[in-house]
Amino acid sequence: MTQRELARRSGLTEASVCKYLSGSRTPQAEAVVLLAKALGTTSDYLLGIKRDEGSIYRDLEKQILENKENLSPEERMSLIMLLSSK
């Protein structure tokens, strides 16, 4: 993708995109989000932020515990089978 195309897809100016890519200017958070959407990725990826595996599992565990009462018996069994499989 060209800088012009990235600018068009993100809604940023071509000059801004050029400066961000050359490192002569740091994008604000809003611009990072627009660039990430235009590139089909996340702002975390663009910023080099990696989540450790443990935090992913903690988030998943929290979501399960918060929503367990909303699961049907079949959904609970499916979740148990999924979590116990290797």
C-alpha atoms as a PDB file:
ATOM      1  CA  MET A   1       0.000   0.000   0.000  1.00  0.00           C
ATOM      2  CA  THR A   2       1.301   3.437  -0.833  1.00  0.00           C
ATOM      3  CA  GLN A   3       1.453   6.335   1.598  1.00  0.00           C
ATOM      4  CA  ARG A   4      -1.210   8.048  -0.489  1.00  0.00           C
ATOM      5  CA  GLU A   5      -3.512   5.030  -0.187  1.00  0.00           C
ATOM      6  CA  LEU A   6      -2.890   4.768   3.565  1.00  0.00           C
ATOM      7  CA  ALA A   7      -3.708   8.450   3.936  1.00  0.00           C
ATOM      8  CA  ARG A   8      -6.913   8.020   1.937  1.00  0.00           C
ATOM      9  CA  ARG A   9      -8.026   4.946   3.902  1.00  0.00           C
ATOM     10  CA  SER A  10      -7.223   6.486   7.263  1.00  0.00           C
ATOM     11  CA  GLY A  11      -8.575   9.960   6.574  1.00  0.00           C
ATOM     12  CA  LEU A  12      -5.223  11.530   7.441  1.00  0.00           C
ATOM     13  CA  THR A  13      -3.237  13.812   5.180  1.00  0.00           C
ATOM     14  CA  GLU A  14      -0.543  12.311   3.025  1.00  0.00           C
ATOM     15  CA  ALA A  15       1.973  14.698   4.616  1.00  0.00           C
ATOM     16  CA  SER A  16       1.092  13.438   8.101  1.00  0.00           C
ATOM     17  CA  VAL A  17       1.409   9.800   7.065  1.00  0.00           C
ATOM     18  CA  CYS A  18       4.785  10.545   5.477  1.00  0.00           C
ATOM     19  CA  LYS A  19       6.027  12.219   8.675  1.00  0.00           C
ATOM     20  CA  TYR A  20       4.760   9.363  10.871  1.00  0.00           C
ATOM     21  CA  LEU A  21       6.438   6.745   8.695  1.00  0.00           C
ATOM     22  CA  SER A  22       9.728   8.643   8.525  1.00  0.00           C
ATOM     23  CA  GLY A  23       9.752   9.146  12.280  1.00  0.00           C
ATOM     24  CA  SER A  24       9.922  12.912  12.057  1.00  0.00           C
ATOM     25  CA  ARG A  25       6.563  13.226  13.789  1.00  0.00           C
ATOM     26  CA  THR A  26       4.821  11.097  16.423  1.00  0.00           C
ATOM     27  CA  PRO A  27       1.112  10.460  15.827  1.00  0.00           C
ATOM     28  CA  GLN A  28      -1.454  11.278  18.471  1.00  0.00           C
ATOM     29  CA  ALA A  29      -3.555   8.409  19.843  1.00  0.00           C
ATOM     30  CA  GLU A  30      -6.458   9.209  17.497  1.00  0.00           C
ATOM     31  CA  ALA A  31      -4.175   8.971  14.456  1.00  0.00           C
ATOM     32  CA  VAL A  32      -2.767   5.631  15.649  1.00  0.00           C
ATOM     33  CA  VAL A  33      -6.303   4.253  15.869  1.00  0.00           C
ATOM     34  CA  LEU A  34      -7.141   5.516  12.374  1.00  0.00           C
ATOM     35  CA  LEU A  35      -3.949   4.007  10.957  1.00  0.00           C
ATOM     36  CA  ALA A  36      -4.588   0.686  12.672  1.00  0.00           C
ATOM     37  CA  LYS A  37      -8.111   0.498  11.236  1.00  0.00           C
ATOM     38  CA  ALA A  38      -6.843   1.396   7.777  1.00  0.00           C
ATOM     39  CA  LEU A  39      -4.204  -1.329   8.017  1.00  0.00           C
ATOM     40  CA  GLY A  40      -6.580  -3.929   9.449  1.00  0.00           C
ATOM     41  CA  THR A  41      -4.683  -4.341  12.714  1.00  0.00           C
ATOM     42  CA  THR A  42      -4.720  -3.009  16.263  1.00  0.00           C
ATOM     43  CA  SER A  43      -3.145   0.073  17.746  1.00  0.00           C
ATOM     44  CA  ASP A  44      -1.393  -2.212  20.253  1.00  0.00           C
ATOM     45  CA  TYR A  45       0.304  -3.998  17.358  1.00  0.00           C
ATOM     46  CA  LEU A  46       1.409  -0.723  15.772  1.00  0.00           C
ATOM     47  CA  LEU A  47       2.809   0.447  19.105  1.00  0.00           C
ATOM     48  CA  GLY A  48       4.628  -2.826  19.696  1.00  0.00           C
ATOM     49  CA  ILE A  49       2.567  -3.704  22.755  1.00  0.00           C
ATOM     50  CA  LYS A  50       2.345  -7.412  23.426  1.00  0.00           C
ATOM     51  CA  ARG A  51       0.076  -8.919  26.017  1.00  0.00           C
ATOM     52  CA  ASP A  52       1.530 -11.735  28.025  1.00  0.00           C
ATOM     53  CA  GLU A  53      -0.296 -15.037  27.806  1.00  0.00           C
ATOM     54  CA  GLY A  54      -1.150 -14.919  31.514  1.00  0.00           C
ATOM     55  CA  SER A  55      -3.095 -11.682  31.175  1.00  0.00           C
ATOM     56  CA  ILE A  56      -5.112 -13.123  28.299  1.00  0.00           C
ATOM     57  CA  TYR A  57      -6.129 -16.079  30.449  1.00  0.00           C
ATOM     58  CA  ARG A  58      -6.949 -13.832  33.418  1.00  0.00           C
ATOM     59  CA  ASP A  59      -9.203 -11.720  31.195  1.00  0.00           C
ATOM     60  CA  LEU A  60     -10.906 -14.843  29.867  1.00  0.00           C
ATOM     61  CA  GLU A  61     -11.399 -16.236  33.367  1.00  0.00           C
ATOM     62  CA  LYS A  62     -12.907 -12.924  34.509  1.00  0.00           C
ATOM     63  CA  GLN A  63     -15.346 -12.912  31.578  1.00  0.00           C
ATOM     64  CA  ILE A  64     -16.407 -16.498  32.263  1.00  0.00           C
ATOM     65  CA  LEU A  65     -16.981 -15.844  35.958  1.00  0.00           C
ATOM     66  CA  GLU A  66     -18.949 -12.658  35.271  1.00  0.00           C
ATOM     67  CA  ASN A  67     -21.204 -14.383  32.722  1.00  0.00           C
ATOM     68  CA  LYS A  68     -21.520 -17.935  34.030  1.00  0.00           C
ATOM     69  CA  GLU A  69     -25.077 -17.417  35.266  1.00  0.00           C
ATOM     70  CA  ASN A  70     -26.177 -16.437  31.756  1.00  0.00           C
ATOM     71  CA  LEU A  71     -25.002 -19.711  30.211  1.00  0.00           C
ATOM     72  CA  SER A  72     -27.435 -22.487  29.455  1.00  0.00           C
ATOM     73  CA  PRO A  73     -26.571 -26.002  30.697  1.00  0.00           C
ATOM     74  CA  GLU A  74     -25.520 -26.914  27.157  1.00  0.00           C
ATOM     75  CA  GLU A  75     -23.256 -23.864  26.876  1.00  0.00           C
ATOM     76  CA  ARG A  76     -21.692 -24.678  30.255  1.00  0.00           C
ATOM     77  CA  MET A  77     -20.979 -28.239  29.133  1.00  0.00           C
ATOM     78  CA  SER A  78     -19.499 -26.996  25.866  1.00  0.00           C
ATOM     79  CA  LEU A  79     -17.271 -24.584  27.760  1.00  0.00           C
ATOM     80  CA  ILE A  80     -16.119 -27.331  30.159  1.00  0.00           C
ATOM     81  CA  MET A  81     -15.334 -29.626  27.228  1.00  0.00           C
ATOM     82  CA  LEU A  82     -13.456 -26.862  25.418  1.00  0.00           C
ATOM     83  CA  LEU A  83     -11.391 -25.940  28.460  1.00  0.00           C
ATOM     84  CA  SER A  84     -10.553 -29.540  29.291  1.00  0.00           C
ATOM     85  CA  SER A  85      -9.457 -30.459  25.759  1.00  0.00           C
ATOM     86  CA  LYS A  86      -5.794 -30.297  24.756  1.00  0.00           C
END
